[in-house]
């Protein structure tokens, strides 16, 4: 098992109880519509594991 703790689906969303809104924390892939992962190393980038779409983060 990895050094990081297990991630759960509930960690993927921000819940605002006052407004009654639920918002996804990560980006959605423009090609396939699935959730993308943020990778920090070796270069910061958003990556879709399903269709292999990649967006490099430029600062």
Protein backbone atom coordinates (compact mmCIF):
# COMPACT_ATOMS: atom_id res chain seq x y z
CA UNK A 1 0.00 0.00 0.00
CA UNK A 2 1.26 3.50 -0.72
CA UNK A 3 2.42 6.00 1.90
CA UNK A 4 -0.60 8.23 1.29
CA UNK A 5 -3.87 7.37 2.95
CA UNK A 6 -6.67 5.87 0.92
CA UNK A 7 -8.75 8.40 -0.96
CA UNK A 8 -12.50 8.12 -0.94
CA UNK A 9 -15.06 9.45 -3.39
CA UNK A 10 -16.29 11.88 -0.75
CA UNK A 11 -12.88 13.63 -0.93
CA UNK A 12 -13.50 14.50 -4.61
CA UNK A 13 -16.30 16.95 -3.82
CA UNK A 14 -16.71 20.22 -1.93
CA UNK A 15 -20.01 20.46 -0.10
CA UNK A 16 -21.48 23.86 0.80
CA UNK A 17 -24.22 23.25 3.34
CA UNK A 18 -25.38 26.88 3.45
CA UNK A 19 -26.01 27.06 -0.31
CA UNK A 20 -26.90 23.39 -0.67
CA UNK A 21 -24.35 22.99 -3.46
CA UNK A 22 -21.99 20.14 -4.31
CA UNK A 23 -18.98 20.94 -6.51
CA UNK A 24 -16.29 18.69 -8.00
CA UNK A 25 -12.75 19.61 -6.83
CA UNK A 26 -10.89 18.28 -9.87
CA UNK A 27 -11.28 19.19 -13.54
CA UNK A 28 -13.41 17.30 -16.01
CA UNK A 29 -11.79 16.00 -19.21
CA UNK A 30 -12.93 17.97 -22.28
CA UNK A 31 -12.62 14.89 -24.52
CA UNK A 32 -14.41 12.15 -22.58
CA UNK A 33 -16.07 13.94 -19.63
CA UNK A 34 -14.41 11.95 -16.83
CA UNK A 35 -12.54 13.30 -13.80
CA UNK A 36 -8.89 14.23 -14.37
CA UNK A 37 -5.99 13.77 -11.92
CA UNK A 38 -3.49 16.47 -10.97
CA UNK A 39 0.13 15.24 -11.06
CA UNK A 40 2.85 17.45 -9.55
CA UNK A 41 6.03 15.56 -10.57
CA UNK A 42 8.04 15.60 -12.83
CA UNK A 43 6.07 18.52 -14.31
CA UNK A 44 2.70 19.84 -13.07
CA UNK A 45 -0.07 18.55 -15.35
CA UNK A 46 -3.70 17.42 -15.47
CA UNK A 47 -4.08 13.90 -16.86
CA UNK A 48 -7.09 11.82 -17.86
CA UNK A 49 -6.42 8.14 -17.22
CA UNK A 50 -9.21 7.03 -19.52
CA UNK A 51 -8.41 8.78 -22.81
CA UNK A 52 -4.82 9.95 -22.02
CA UNK A 53 -5.61 13.65 -22.52
CA UNK A 54 -2.94 15.87 -20.88
CA UNK A 55 -2.92 19.60 -20.02
CA UNK A 56 0.39 21.04 -18.79
CA UNK A 57 0.04 23.60 -15.98
CA UNK A 58 1.85 26.82 -16.87
CA UNK A 59 2.59 29.30 -14.13
